[in-house]
Amino acid sequence: MDQIEHNDVHWPDGARSHRFGLVPAHTACVARVARGVAQGVAPPPEESESLWSTSSIGNRKPQFGWFPQSREGCSSLDLQGFLKALARRWPTVVVCLVLAVGAALAVTSVSTPVYEARTQLFVATRTGENTIDLNEGQTFSQARVQSYAEIVTTRQITAPVVKQLRLRTTPEELASRIAADVPLKTVLIDITVRDTAPRRAARIANAVAKRFSLVVEQLETPKRPVPSTLPEARDKTEDAAPVPPVSPVSLGVTEEAVAPTSPTSPRPLPNLAAGVVGGLLFAAGLVALRETLDTTFKTSEALGAFLALPGLGTIPYDRNAPRQPLVSADGHSKRAEAFRKLRTNLQFSQVDDPPRIIVVTSSVPGEGKTSIAMNLARSLAETGVSTCLVDGDLRRPCVAPAFGLIQDGGLTTVLIGQARIEDVMQQVDGGLSVLASGAVPPNPAELLASARMKEVLRELADMYDIVIVDTAPLLPVADTVGLASFSQGALLVVRAGRTNRDQVRTAAESLERVGARVLGTVFSMAPVPKGGCYGRYGAYGQYGELPAPRTSATPEGTAASAVTRPTDGK
């Protein structure tokens, strides 16, 4: 690749030259675009296409028309994403599970025990003794037995039972607690009675079986006497009385009902299992609903896809950050490594047009922009880059207290002409220069959008290689909107799981309207992955530390002779 060494790049508005490395041969195209940006004129389409078609890290689209692509319609969850959502919202799953199990146990405890008593009847036919008669009787019984089972719950059975046992119920209610079942291809009838008292259930079942047998035999008994069909019998009984009618069917009890020892309902274990399954299903549905309605960003990839902007860094969540916002310069924690990665990505994101004045902002308060601005400035100063940190949040300044500096003299003092930049500039460890906010003014938006503020930024760009400006949030106040137009790049901080899509879209629109170039996004307070060795590099610890060699099991003399080289050349 044809490359030229880039030593001195002259920036618009008399900015100081800066050594930044190697750039491609299309620097002339970059310069023309930069001049157009400085004059507020959009570059020609052909130059924009040729510029952004190169394989460089940074914005995927030119400054004009980079507006984020909305992806609200892609909120569907695959199986892996759904499982991650369940793990992320485990308190919801636990609460739903506890509520469902508690409800199952409560229903089990308040339910009245119900016992079941069972009796069995055998349906027989009065036939001859030969095989043909027996088969015909068997076929007759099987054909009738299903109809007999339907009679068990009729009032003709239940009413006499209620009267006989003096039950405090109605025949209809008793019928609802009786069930008759006929096993397939049998002449058996199983009668089951449910009741809250085990002995009463057995008494009712036996009474129903007795009454049922009588009713069936009465129904099957012919209405008129049956004459004998044999001639001998007719000759002997011509003068005798007629034979009384007899039922061709008889029912006998094969198993009497006994008082059950354990209730059939409620059943604690099935109820508990149903509660667990119901709780898990309810939790899964609730998590899916919350994930569908939740428009916040869970990963930096989702944020980058929504805005079509590069994610320059992901800062992990640290519970000690509010008390200790500054990371150690020589530390190897996850936050320290994350800021070093952010610094490196920022330096290489715009190699063709490196920004000198960078504003760090966010959509709403509480997203960690001030902490990111301070640690990014310190990280840049560690590499030897002349860096100045400006506290441009004139409503809630936090930079000076974090470094332990004087806040009364600073940016506002310079803006109103009471002091020069050199008079109020303060130094901290690591070679970082800090310009505090100064006294809080009554009109911060007007001061930050004034021509004097633009001159101050130019002077700082002449004095330092990089100027990092911490600003106020974009949505609550208008301070940053005017200030962002004076910058050469902006970092948009988005908090994981807190900032929603509408807020990010509105913040991006605000920066686009003033022509600010968004260098990328910083995903802050991201969940820390479990089980990783990031920051300690696994078993190696810091660079230069190697694991101790394993101790050999070979005897000392043998091991020494095995590793000693002969000196006589043999």
Protein backbone atom coordinates (compact mmCIF):
# COMPACT_ATOMS: atom_id res chain seq x y z
CA MET A 1 0.00 0.00 0.00
CA ASP A 2 1.23 3.42 -0.92
CA GLN A 3 1.66 5.27 2.36
CA ILE A 4 3.37 8.47 3.40
CA GLU A 5 4.74 9.39 6.78
CA HIS A 6 2.52 11.88 8.51
CA ASN A 7 4.54 14.20 10.74
CA ASP A 8 2.75 17.53 10.75
CA VAL A 9 -0.93 17.97 9.97
CA HIS A 10 -2.14 21.56 9.87
CA TRP A 11 -5.61 21.85 11.29
CA PRO A 12 -8.25 24.50 10.50
CA ASP A 13 -8.47 27.65 12.58
CA GLY A 14 -4.75 27.70 13.31
CA ALA A 15 -4.75 24.49 15.30
CA ARG A 16 -1.39 23.18 16.43
CA SER A 17 0.31 20.45 14.40
CA HIS A 18 0.32 16.99 15.92
CA ARG A 19 2.23 13.78 15.28
CA PHE A 20 -0.23 10.89 14.98
CA GLY A 21 1.34 8.14 12.88
CA LEU A 22 0.77 6.95 9.28
CA VAL A 23 -2.12 7.95 7.01
CA PRO A 24 -3.18 6.62 3.58
CA ALA A 25 -2.34 8.36 0.34
CA HIS A 26 -5.82 9.91 0.04
CA THR A 27 -4.88 12.65 2.55
CA ALA A 28 -5.71 15.30 -0.03
CA CYS A 29 -9.29 14.10 -0.13
CA VAL A 30 -9.42 14.22 3.65
CA ALA A 31 -8.07 17.75 3.65
CA ARG A 32 -10.74 18.92 1.21
CA VAL A 33 -13.46 17.37 3.36
CA ALA A 34 -11.96 18.94 6.50
CA ARG A 35 -11.94 22.37 4.88
CA GLY A 36 -15.57 21.91 3.92
CA VAL A 37 -16.48 20.95 7.47
CA ALA A 38 -14.66 23.97 8.88
CA GLN A 39 -16.59 26.23 6.51
CA GLY A 40 -19.92 24.52 7.27
CA VAL A 41 -20.29 23.21 3.70
CA ALA A 42 -21.16 19.61 2.96
CA PRO A 43 -18.54 17.73 0.88
CA PRO A 44 -19.44 16.61 -2.63
CA PRO A 45 -21.04 13.15 -2.77
CA GLU A 46 -18.26 11.68 -4.87
CA GLU A 47 -15.60 12.77 -2.37
CA SER A 48 -17.65 11.47 0.54
CA GLU A 49 -18.07 8.12 -1.15
CA SER A 50 -14.39 7.85 -2.02
CA LEU A 51 -13.37 8.87 1.47
CA TRP A 52 -15.63 6.52 3.39
CA SER A 53 -15.18 3.57 1.06
CA THR A 54 -11.66 3.02 2.42
CA SER A 55 -11.08 0.30 4.98
CA SER A 56 -10.51 2.41 8.06
CA ILE A 57 -11.75 2.18 11.59
CA GLY A 58 -14.24 4.80 12.65
CA ASN A 59 -17.58 6.13 11.50
CA ARG A 60 -19.09 3.96 8.84
CA LYS A 61 -20.85 6.94 7.30
CA PRO A 62 -19.79 10.51 6.46
CA GLN A 63 -20.50 13.37 8.82
CA PHE A 64 -23.51 14.54 6.87
CA GLY A 65 -26.39 12.09 6.97
CA TRP A 66 -25.04 9.66 9.54
CA PHE A 67 -28.36 9.69 11.41
CA PRO A 68 -29.02 6.39 13.20
CA GLN A 69 -31.04 3.68 11.59
CA SER A 70 -34.04 2.70 13.69
CA ARG A 71 -34.30 -0.98 14.47
CA GLU A 72 -37.30 -1.05 16.73
CA GLY A 73 -38.88 -3.87 14.79
CA CYS A 74 -36.12 -6.37 15.60
CA SER A 75 -36.97 -7.01 19.22
CA SER A 76 -37.61 -10.75 18.78
CA LEU A 77 -35.76 -13.10 21.09
CA ASP A 78 -34.04 -16.28 20.03
CA LEU A 79 -33.50 -19.16 22.43
CA GLN A 80 -30.04 -18.02 23.52
CA GLY A 81 -31.20 -14.46 24.04
CA PHE A 82 -34.23 -15.65 25.98
CA LEU A 83 -32.07 -17.79 28.28
CA LYS A 84 -29.77 -14.82 28.86
CA ALA A 85 -32.80 -12.69 29.65
CA LEU A 86 -33.96 -15.27 32.20
CA ALA A 87 -30.52 -15.29 33.80
CA ARG A 88 -30.38 -11.49 33.81
CA ARG A 89 -33.84 -11.18 35.37
CA TRP A 90 -33.41 -14.01 37.86
CA PRO A 91 -35.08 -12.02 40.69
CA THR A 92 -38.29 -11.97 38.65
CA VAL A 93 -38.06 -15.72 38.10
CA VAL A 94 -37.46 -16.34 41.81
CA VAL A 95 -40.36 -14.11 42.87
CA CYS A 96 -42.78 -15.78 40.43
CA LEU A 97 -41.62 -19.22 41.53
CA VAL A 98 -42.02 -18.40 45.22
CA LEU A 99 -45.49 -16.93 44.67
CA ALA A 100 -46.67 -19.92 42.63
CA VAL A 101 -45.32 -22.47 45.10
CA GLY A 102 -46.80 -20.50 48.00
CA ALA A 103 -50.17 -20.40 46.26
CA ALA A 104 -50.03 -24.17 45.66
CA LEU A 105 -49.19 -24.82 49.30
CA ALA A 106 -51.92 -22.46 50.47
CA VAL A 107 -54.54 -24.16 48.30
CA THR A 108 -53.39 -27.54 49.59
CA SER A 109 -53.59 -26.44 53.22
CA VAL A 110 -57.06 -24.83 53.01
CA SER A 111 -58.65 -27.55 50.86
CA THR A 112 -60.95 -30.02 52.62
CA PRO A 113 -59.71 -33.62 52.36
CA VAL A 114 -61.84 -35.81 50.12
CA TYR A 115 -61.90 -39.63 50.45
CA GLU A 116 -62.95 -42.19 47.88
CA ALA A 117 -64.60 -45.53 48.67
CA ARG A 118 -64.92 -48.16 45.94
CA THR A 119 -67.10 -51.21 45.52
CA GLN A 120 -67.37 -53.67 42.64
CA LEU A 121 -70.36 -55.58 41.21
CA PHE A 122 -70.50 -58.64 38.94
CA VAL A 123 -73.34 -58.95 36.44
CA ALA A 124 -74.46 -62.56 35.87
CA THR A 125 -77.24 -64.13 33.78
CA ARG A 126 -79.47 -67.07 34.67
CA THR A 127 -78.99 -69.48 31.74
CA GLY A 128 -78.64 -73.20 31.14
CA GLU A 129 -75.66 -75.31 31.96
CA ASN A 130 -74.47 -76.02 28.39
CA THR A 131 -71.75 -73.97 26.69
CA ILE A 132 -74.05 -72.32 24.20
CA ASP A 133 -76.27 -70.92 26.92
CA LEU A 134 -73.28 -69.67 28.88
CA ASN A 135 -71.84 -67.84 25.86
CA GLU A 136 -75.19 -66.29 25.08
CA GLY A 137 -75.47 -65.14 28.70
CA GLN A 138 -71.99 -63.61 28.59
CA THR A 139 -72.81 -61.71 25.42
CA PHE A 140 -76.09 -60.54 26.91
CA SER A 141 -74.37 -59.25 30.08
CA GLN A 142 -71.70 -57.35 28.17
CA ALA A 143 -74.35 -55.75 26.00
CA ARG A 144 -76.33 -54.60 29.01
CA VAL A 145 -73.64 -53.69 31.51
CA GLN A 146 -72.85 -50.29 29.97
CA SER A 147 -76.49 -49.33 30.24
CA TYR A 148 -76.57 -50.47 33.83
CA ALA A 149 -73.71 -48.11 34.70
CA GLU A 150 -75.77 -45.13 33.58
CA ILE A 151 -78.45 -45.98 36.14
CA VAL A 152 -76.14 -45.61 39.15
CA THR A 153 -76.50 -41.81 39.39
CA THR A 154 -80.24 -41.67 38.80
CA ARG A 155 -82.64 -40.44 41.44
CA GLN A 156 -84.13 -43.93 41.73
CA ILE A 157 -80.83 -44.99 43.31
CA THR A 158 -79.74 -41.90 45.25
CA ALA A 159 -83.05 -40.90 46.83
CA PRO A 160 -83.53 -44.13 48.83
CA VAL A 161 -79.87 -44.05 49.88
CA VAL A 162 -80.19 -40.51 51.22
CA LYS A 163 -83.29 -41.51 53.14
CA GLN A 164 -81.79 -44.77 54.41
CA LEU A 165 -78.52 -43.26 55.69
CA ARG A 166 -80.13 -39.95 56.76
CA LEU A 167 -77.64 -37.92 54.82
CA ARG A 168 -77.74 -34.14 55.02
CA THR A 169 -77.71 -33.69 51.29
CA THR A 170 -79.94 -33.95 48.24
CA PRO A 171 -80.15 -36.86 45.81
CA GLU A 172 -78.76 -34.63 43.05
CA GLU A 173 -75.75 -33.56 45.12
CA LEU A 174 -75.10 -37.17 46.08
CA ALA A 175 -75.27 -38.19 42.44
CA SER A 176 -72.52 -35.69 41.65
CA ARG A 177 -70.23 -37.55 44.07
CA ILE A 178 -70.90 -41.01 42.58
CA ALA A 179 -69.11 -42.42 39.56
CA ALA A 180 -69.61 -45.75 37.77
CA ASP A 181 -67.02 -47.29 35.48
CA VAL A 182 -67.14 -50.44 33.36
CA PRO A 183 -63.77 -52.03 32.51
CA LEU A 184 -63.46 -52.92 28.84
CA LYS A 185 -64.76 -56.35 27.76
CA THR A 186 -65.91 -57.28 31.28
CA VAL A 187 -69.20 -57.64 33.14
CA LEU A 188 -67.87 -55.72 36.14
CA ILE A 189 -69.14 -52.37 37.39
CA ASP A 190 -66.92 -50.22 39.65
CA ILE A 191 -68.82 -47.75 41.82
CA THR A 192 -66.81 -44.93 43.45
CA VAL A 193 -68.17 -42.53 46.05
CA ARG A 194 -66.41 -39.34 47.20
CA ASP A 195 -67.01 -37.85 50.64
CA THR A 196 -65.25 -35.78 53.25
CA ALA A 197 -65.60 -38.58 55.85
CA PRO A 198 -63.91 -41.92 55.03
CA ARG A 199 -66.42 -44.14 56.91
CA ARG A 200 -69.41 -42.36 55.46
CA ALA A 201 -67.98 -42.77 51.97
CA ALA A 202 -67.78 -46.55 52.50
CA ARG A 203 -71.34 -46.72 53.87
CA ILE A 204 -72.69 -44.76 50.93
CA ALA A 205 -70.85 -46.95 48.43
CA ASN A 206 -72.21 -50.17 49.93
CA ALA A 207 -75.74 -48.75 50.15
CA VAL A 208 -75.60 -47.60 46.52
CA ALA A 209 -74.38 -51.02 45.40
CA LYS A 210 -77.21 -52.80 47.25
CA ARG A 211 -79.87 -50.43 45.94
CA PHE A 212 -78.45 -50.58 42.43
CA SER A 213 -78.64 -54.39 42.39
CA LEU A 214 -82.30 -54.32 43.39
CA VAL A 215 -83.22 -51.70 40.80
CA VAL A 216 -81.49 -53.53 37.95
CA GLU A 217 -83.09 -56.87 38.84
CA GLN A 218 -86.51 -55.20 39.04
CA LEU A 219 -86.03 -53.60 35.67
CA GLU A 220 -84.98 -56.89 34.07
CA THR A 221 -87.87 -58.91 35.63
CA PRO A 222 -90.72 -59.60 33.13
CA LYS A 223 -94.13 -58.09 33.95
CA ARG A 224 -96.18 -61.34 33.33
CA PRO A 225 -95.52 -64.94 34.43
CA VAL A 226 -93.40 -66.92 32.04
CA PRO A 227 -94.99 -70.25 30.97
CA SER A 228 -92.81 -73.28 30.70
CA THR A 229 -91.90 -74.35 27.16
CA LEU A 230 -91.39 -78.07 27.97
CA PRO A 231 -94.33 -80.52 27.27
CA GLU A 232 -93.76 -82.46 30.45
CA ALA A 233 -93.88 -79.33 32.50
CA ARG A 234 -97.09 -78.21 30.78
CA ASP A 235 -98.79 -81.52 31.55
CA LYS A 236 -97.77 -81.43 35.20
CA THR A 237 -98.63 -77.76 35.77
CA GLU A 238 -101.88 -77.43 33.86
CA ASP A 239 -103.83 -77.32 37.08
CA ALA A 240 -101.00 -75.56 39.13
CA ALA A 241 -100.51 -71.85 39.76
CA PRO A 242 -98.45 -69.88 37.15
CA VAL A 243 -94.67 -69.52 37.68
CA PRO A 244 -93.70 -66.07 39.09
CA PRO A 245 -91.47 -63.97 36.81
CA VAL A 246 -87.74 -64.14 37.51
CA SER A 247 -85.05 -61.63 36.40
CA PRO A 248 -82.61 -63.14 33.93
CA VAL A 249 -79.87 -60.94 35.44
CA SER A 250 -78.41 -61.00 38.91
CA LEU A 251 -75.81 -58.61 40.40
CA GLY A 252 -73.42 -59.72 43.07
CA VAL A 253 -70.90 -57.73 45.12
CA THR A 254 -67.37 -58.93 44.48
CA GLU A 255 -65.67 -56.29 46.64
CA GLU A 256 -67.29 -54.33 49.41
CA ALA A 257 -66.23 -50.78 50.14
CA VAL A 258 -64.00 -50.12 53.14
CA ALA A 259 -63.10 -46.84 54.79
CA PRO A 260 -60.07 -45.32 52.97
CA THR A 261 -57.04 -44.42 55.04
CA SER A 262 -55.73 -41.49 52.99
CA PRO A 263 -57.53 -38.76 51.08
CA THR A 264 -57.41 -38.56 47.29
CA SER A 265 -57.40 -34.78 47.32
CA PRO A 266 -55.70 -32.49 47.91
CA ARG A 267 -52.45 -34.12 46.76
CA PRO A 268 -49.46 -32.11 48.06
CA LEU A 269 -46.78 -33.37 45.67
CA PRO A 270 -48.77 -32.95 42.43
CA ASN A 271 -49.96 -29.53 43.64
CA LEU A 272 -46.38 -28.53 44.42
CA ALA A 273 -45.19 -29.72 41.02
CA ALA A 274 -48.02 -27.82 39.35
CA GLY A 275 -47.03 -24.71 41.31
CA VAL A 276 -43.40 -25.01 40.20
CA VAL A 277 -44.34 -25.51 36.55
CA GLY A 278 -46.91 -22.72 36.69
CA GLY A 279 -44.43 -20.36 38.35
CA LEU A 280 -41.77 -21.05 35.73
CA LEU A 281 -44.23 -20.55 32.88
CA PHE A 282 -45.51 -17.32 34.42
CA ALA A 283 -41.95 -16.10 34.97
CA ALA A 284 -41.01 -16.96 31.38
CA GLY A 285 -44.02 -15.07 30.05
CA LEU A 286 -43.34 -12.08 32.29
CA VAL A 287 -39.67 -11.97 31.29
CA ALA A 288 -40.58 -12.21 27.61
CA LEU A 289 -43.08 -9.38 28.03
CA ARG A 290 -40.57 -7.19 29.87
CA GLU A 291 -37.90 -7.87 27.27
CA THR A 292 -40.33 -6.94 24.51
CA LEU A 293 -41.33 -3.70 26.22
CA ASP A 294 -37.80 -2.89 27.40
CA THR A 295 -36.13 -0.54 24.91
CA THR A 296 -32.85 -0.13 26.76
CA PHE A 297 -29.56 -1.51 25.45
CA LYS A 298 -28.08 -4.62 27.00
CA THR A 299 -24.97 -4.96 24.79
CA SER A 300 -22.68 -2.60 22.94
CA GLU A 301 -23.41 -4.54 19.74
CA ALA A 302 -27.11 -3.65 19.97
CA LEU A 303 -26.19 0.00 20.55
CA GLY A 304 -23.86 0.06 17.56
CA ALA A 305 -26.46 -1.58 15.33
CA PHE A 306 -29.08 0.96 16.39
CA LEU A 307 -26.92 4.04 15.78
CA ALA A 308 -24.74 2.65 12.96
CA LEU A 309 -21.76 4.04 14.89
CA PRO A 310 -18.67 2.24 16.18
CA GLY A 311 -18.55 1.25 19.82
CA LEU A 312 -15.24 2.66 21.02
CA GLY A 313 -15.35 1.15 24.46
CA THR A 314 -17.30 -0.77 27.06
CA ILE A 315 -16.75 0.29 30.66
CA PRO A 316 -17.69 -2.42 33.18
CA TYR A 317 -19.79 -1.67 36.21
CA ASP A 318 -17.88 -1.01 39.42
CA ARG A 319 -19.76 -0.50 42.67
CA ASN A 320 -16.86 1.53 44.06
CA ALA A 321 -16.87 4.00 41.15
CA PRO A 322 -19.04 6.64 42.92
CA ARG A 323 -16.55 6.75 45.81
CA GLN A 324 -13.44 6.27 43.66
CA PRO A 325 -14.19 7.64 40.16
CA LEU A 326 -10.51 7.73 39.16
CA VAL A 327 -8.79 4.47 38.28
CA SER A 328 -5.21 3.83 39.23
CA ALA A 329 -2.66 4.74 36.57
CA ASP A 330 -0.71 1.51 37.01
CA GLY A 331 -3.69 -0.65 37.90
CA HIS A 332 -4.76 -3.77 36.04
CA SER A 333 -8.40 -3.83 37.01
CA LYS A 334 -11.16 -4.35 34.50
CA ARG A 335 -12.07 -0.66 34.51
CA ALA A 336 -8.44 0.41 33.99
CA GLU A 337 -8.02 -1.93 31.04
CA ALA A 338 -11.35 -0.77 29.62
CA PHE A 339 -10.20 2.86 29.61
CA ARG A 340 -6.92 1.89 27.95
CA LYS A 341 -8.89 0.12 25.28
CA LEU A 342 -11.11 3.18 24.86
CA ARG A 343 -8.02 5.34 24.48
CA THR A 344 -6.54 3.07 21.82
CA ASN A 345 -9.80 2.79 19.88
CA LEU A 346 -10.21 6.56 19.97
CA GLN A 347 -6.69 7.15 18.64
CA PHE A 348 -7.18 4.75 15.75
CA SER A 349 -10.81 5.54 14.95
CA GLN A 350 -10.00 8.72 13.03
CA VAL A 351 -6.47 8.30 11.68
CA ASP A 352 -7.32 10.37 8.59
CA ASP A 353 -8.90 13.22 10.52
CA PRO A 354 -7.83 13.01 14.19
CA PRO A 355 -9.92 15.30 16.41
CA ARG A 356 -8.25 17.76 18.75
CA ILE A 357 -11.28 18.95 20.72
CA ILE A 358 -13.54 16.14 21.96
CA VAL A 359 -16.70 16.62 23.99
CA VAL A 360 -17.98 13.78 26.17
CA THR A 361 -21.74 13.86 26.68
CA SER A 362 -24.74 11.65 27.35
CA SER A 363 -28.48 11.68 26.93
CA VAL A 364 -29.53 11.98 30.57
CA PRO A 365 -27.75 12.35 33.91
CA GLY A 366 -26.31 9.38 35.74
CA GLU A 367 -24.70 7.64 32.77
CA GLY A 368 -21.08 8.06 33.93
CA LYS A 369 -19.90 10.64 31.37
CA THR A 370 -17.82 12.64 33.88
CA SER A 371 -15.99 9.55 35.09
CA ILE A 372 -15.32 8.50 31.51
CA ALA A 373 -14.05 11.96 30.56
CA MET A 374 -11.68 12.11 33.55
CA ASN A 375 -10.24 8.62 33.14
CA LEU A 376 -9.95 8.97 29.37
CA ALA A 377 -7.97 12.19 29.80
CA ARG A 378 -5.68 10.54 32.36
CA SER A 379 -5.19 7.55 30.10
CA LEU A 380 -4.19 9.80 27.19
CA ALA A 381 -1.79 11.73 29.41
CA GLU A 382 -0.14 8.45 30.48
CA THR A 383 1.01 7.86 26.89
CA GLY A 384 2.79 11.21 26.76
CA VAL A 385 0.09 13.04 24.80
CA SER A 386 -0.32 16.62 26.00
CA THR A 387 -3.89 16.52 27.31
CA CYS A 388 -6.19 19.10 28.86
CA LEU A 389 -9.42 18.22 30.66
CA VAL A 390 -12.08 20.94 30.72
CA ASP A 391 -15.08 20.81 33.05
CA GLY A 392 -17.79 22.11 30.72
CA ASP A 393 -20.68 21.01 32.93
CA LEU A 394 -21.51 24.38 34.47
CA ARG A 395 -24.60 23.14 36.28
CA ARG A 396 -23.18 20.20 38.25
CA PRO A 397 -19.38 20.42 38.01
CA CYS A 398 -17.66 17.33 39.40
CA VAL A 399 -14.15 17.32 37.91
CA ALA A 400 -12.41 19.54 40.48
CA PRO A 401 -13.76 17.69 43.55
CA ALA A 402 -12.74 14.35 42.04
CA PHE A 403 -9.12 15.48 41.60
CA GLY A 404 -9.08 17.51 44.83
CA LEU A 405 -8.55 20.82 42.96
CA ILE A 406 -9.82 24.36 43.43
CA GLN A 407 -13.13 24.89 41.66
CA ASP A 408 -13.73 28.62 42.10
CA GLY A 409 -11.24 29.63 39.39
CA GLY A 410 -11.68 28.02 36.01
CA LEU A 411 -13.62 28.15 32.75
CA THR A 412 -16.19 30.74 33.76
CA THR A 413 -13.44 32.97 35.11
CA VAL A 414 -11.75 32.91 31.71
CA LEU A 415 -15.01 33.41 29.81
CA ILE A 416 -15.90 36.61 31.65
CA GLY A 417 -12.35 37.96 31.25
CA GLN A 418 -11.24 37.94 34.87
CA ALA A 419 -8.28 35.63 34.26
CA ARG A 420 -6.21 34.01 31.54
CA ILE A 421 -6.11 30.29 30.83
CA GLU A 422 -2.58 30.02 32.23
CA ASP A 423 -3.68 31.63 35.48
CA VAL A 424 -6.39 29.08 36.32
CA MET A 425 -4.93 25.94 34.73
CA GLN A 426 -4.16 23.26 37.34
CA GLN A 427 -1.88 20.22 37.08
CA VAL A 428 -2.45 16.73 38.45
CA ASP A 429 -0.32 13.63 38.62
CA GLY A 430 0.51 12.04 35.29
CA GLY A 431 1.01 15.29 33.37
CA LEU A 432 -2.69 16.03 32.95
CA SER A 433 -3.83 19.67 32.88
CA VAL A 434 -7.28 20.42 34.29
CA LEU A 435 -9.38 23.51 33.68
CA ALA A 436 -12.07 23.49 36.38
CA SER A 437 -15.54 24.88 35.83
CA GLY A 438 -15.17 27.95 37.96
CA ALA A 439 -18.09 29.60 39.68
CA VAL A 440 -21.50 28.31 38.60
CA PRO A 441 -23.08 31.01 36.38
CA PRO A 442 -26.77 31.86 36.09
CA ASN A 443 -26.66 31.50 32.28
CA PRO A 444 -24.49 28.49 31.42
CA ALA A 445 -26.10 27.85 28.02
CA GLU A 446 -25.31 31.36 26.79
CA LEU A 447 -21.71 31.23 28.04
CA LEU A 448 -20.96 27.87 26.43
CA ALA A 449 -22.46 28.91 23.08
CA SER A 450 -20.68 32.28 23.01
CA ALA A 451 -17.91 33.34 20.65
CA ARG A 452 -15.56 33.66 23.63
CA MET A 453 -16.00 29.95 24.35
CA LYS A 454 -14.98 29.16 20.80
CA GLU A 455 -11.85 31.29 21.22
CA VAL A 456 -10.99 29.53 24.49
CA LEU A 457 -11.22 26.14 22.80
CA ARG A 458 -8.94 27.37 20.00
CA GLU A 459 -6.39 28.58 22.50
CA LEU A 460 -6.50 25.24 24.31
CA ALA A 461 -6.07 23.38 21.01
CA ASP A 462 -2.95 25.48 20.33
CA MET A 463 -1.54 24.66 23.76
CA TYR A 464 -2.38 20.93 23.97
CA ASP A 465 -2.54 17.98 21.64
CA ILE A 466 -5.98 16.85 22.80
CA VAL A 467 -8.68 18.71 24.73
CA ILE A 468 -11.32 16.61 26.50
CA VAL A 469 -14.44 18.54 27.51
CA ASP A 470 -16.90 17.12 30.02
CA THR A 471 -20.35 18.53 29.22
CA ALA A 472 -23.87 18.50 30.59
CA PRO A 473 -26.43 15.91 29.42
CA LEU A 474 -28.10 16.66 26.11
CA LEU A 475 -31.77 16.15 26.91
CA PRO A 476 -32.39 18.03 30.18
CA VAL A 477 -30.57 21.26 29.21
CA ALA A 478 -29.35 22.99 26.06
CA ASP A 479 -25.79 23.68 27.28
CA THR A 480 -24.08 20.97 25.26
CA VAL A 481 -25.90 21.69 22.00
CA GLY A 482 -24.12 24.99 21.51
CA LEU A 483 -20.79 23.72 22.81
CA ALA A 484 -20.75 20.62 20.59
CA SER A 485 -20.71 22.76 17.45
CA PHE A 486 -17.25 24.11 18.46
CA SER A 487 -15.76 20.64 18.88
CA GLN A 488 -14.10 18.38 16.35
CA GLY A 489 -15.65 15.20 17.71
CA ALA A 490 -18.12 13.93 20.28
CA LEU A 491 -18.36 10.78 22.37
CA LEU A 492 -21.89 9.69 23.26
CA VAL A 493 -22.05 7.78 26.56
CA VAL A 494 -24.91 5.29 26.93
CA ARG A 495 -25.57 3.45 30.17
CA ALA A 496 -26.28 -0.27 29.95
CA GLY A 497 -29.84 -1.23 30.83
CA ARG A 498 -30.86 2.35 31.68
CA THR A 499 -30.85 4.59 28.60
CA ASN A 500 -33.69 3.76 26.21
CA ARG A 501 -33.82 4.03 22.44
CA ASP A 502 -35.90 7.21 22.35
CA GLN A 503 -33.41 9.04 24.56
CA VAL A 504 -30.45 7.92 22.46
CA ARG A 505 -32.25 8.85 19.24
CA THR A 506 -33.13 12.31 20.53
CA ALA A 507 -29.56 12.91 21.70
CA ALA A 508 -28.22 11.82 18.31
CA GLU A 509 -30.64 14.17 16.55
CA SER A 510 -29.45 17.06 18.75
CA LEU A 511 -25.83 16.46 17.79
CA GLU A 512 -26.71 16.08 14.12
CA ARG A 513 -28.61 19.36 14.01
CA VAL A 514 -25.58 21.35 15.14
CA GLY A 515 -23.25 19.48 12.77
CA ALA A 516 -21.26 17.72 15.48
CA ARG A 517 -19.26 14.70 14.37
CA VAL A 518 -19.96 11.73 16.60
CA LEU A 519 -16.80 9.65 16.82
CA GLY A 520 -18.57 6.71 18.45
CA THR A 521 -20.31 5.49 21.54
CA VAL A 522 -19.10 4.43 24.97
CA PHE A 523 -21.16 1.73 26.68
CA SER A 524 -20.93 2.44 30.40
CA MET A 525 -21.73 0.41 33.51
CA ALA A 526 -21.94 -2.80 31.54
CA PRO A 527 -22.44 -6.07 33.44
CA VAL A 528 -19.19 -7.83 34.19
CA PRO A 529 -19.03 -11.33 32.65
CA LYS A 530 -18.49 -14.08 35.19
CA GLY A 531 -15.64 -16.53 35.12
CA GLY A 532 -13.27 -14.33 33.14
CA CYS A 533 -9.62 -13.60 33.91
CA TYR A 534 -9.63 -10.24 32.17
CA GLY A 535 -7.21 -7.81 33.73
CA ARG A 536 -4.96 -10.50 35.20
CA TYR A 537 -4.28 -12.43 31.97
CA GLY A 538 -5.09 -15.84 33.37
CA ALA A 539 -2.26 -17.64 35.12
CA TYR A 540 0.40 -15.16 33.95
CA GLY A 541 -0.67 -12.23 36.10
CA GLN A 542 1.01 -9.04 34.90
CA TYR A 543 3.31 -8.95 31.93
CA GLY A 544 6.72 -10.39 32.71
CA GLU A 545 5.46 -12.88 35.28
CA LEU A 546 5.76 -16.51 34.24
CA PRO A 547 4.39 -19.51 36.11
CA ALA A 548 6.87 -21.43 38.21
CA PRO A 549 8.20 -24.62 36.58
CA ARG A 550 6.89 -27.90 37.83
CA THR A 551 9.06 -29.90 40.21
CA SER A 552 10.33 -33.10 38.59
CA ALA A 553 9.84 -36.42 40.34
CA THR A 554 13.24 -37.64 39.11
CA PRO A 555 15.97 -37.93 41.78
CA GLU A 556 18.17 -34.89 42.02
CA GLY A 557 21.36 -36.57 40.78
CA THR A 558 19.66 -38.23 37.83
CA ALA A 559 17.91 -35.01 36.80
CA ALA A 560 21.17 -33.07 36.96
CA SER A 561 22.98 -35.57 34.75
CA ALA A 562 20.08 -35.62 32.30
CA VAL A 563 20.15 -31.87 31.63
CA THR A 564 23.96 -31.33 31.76
CA ARG A 565 25.58 -31.12 28.32
CA PRO A 566 28.88 -32.93 27.85
CA THR A 567 31.85 -30.63 27.32
CA ASP A 568 34.10 -33.05 25.46
CA GLY A 569 31.96 -33.10 22.36
CA LYS A 570 30.87 -36.74 22.71
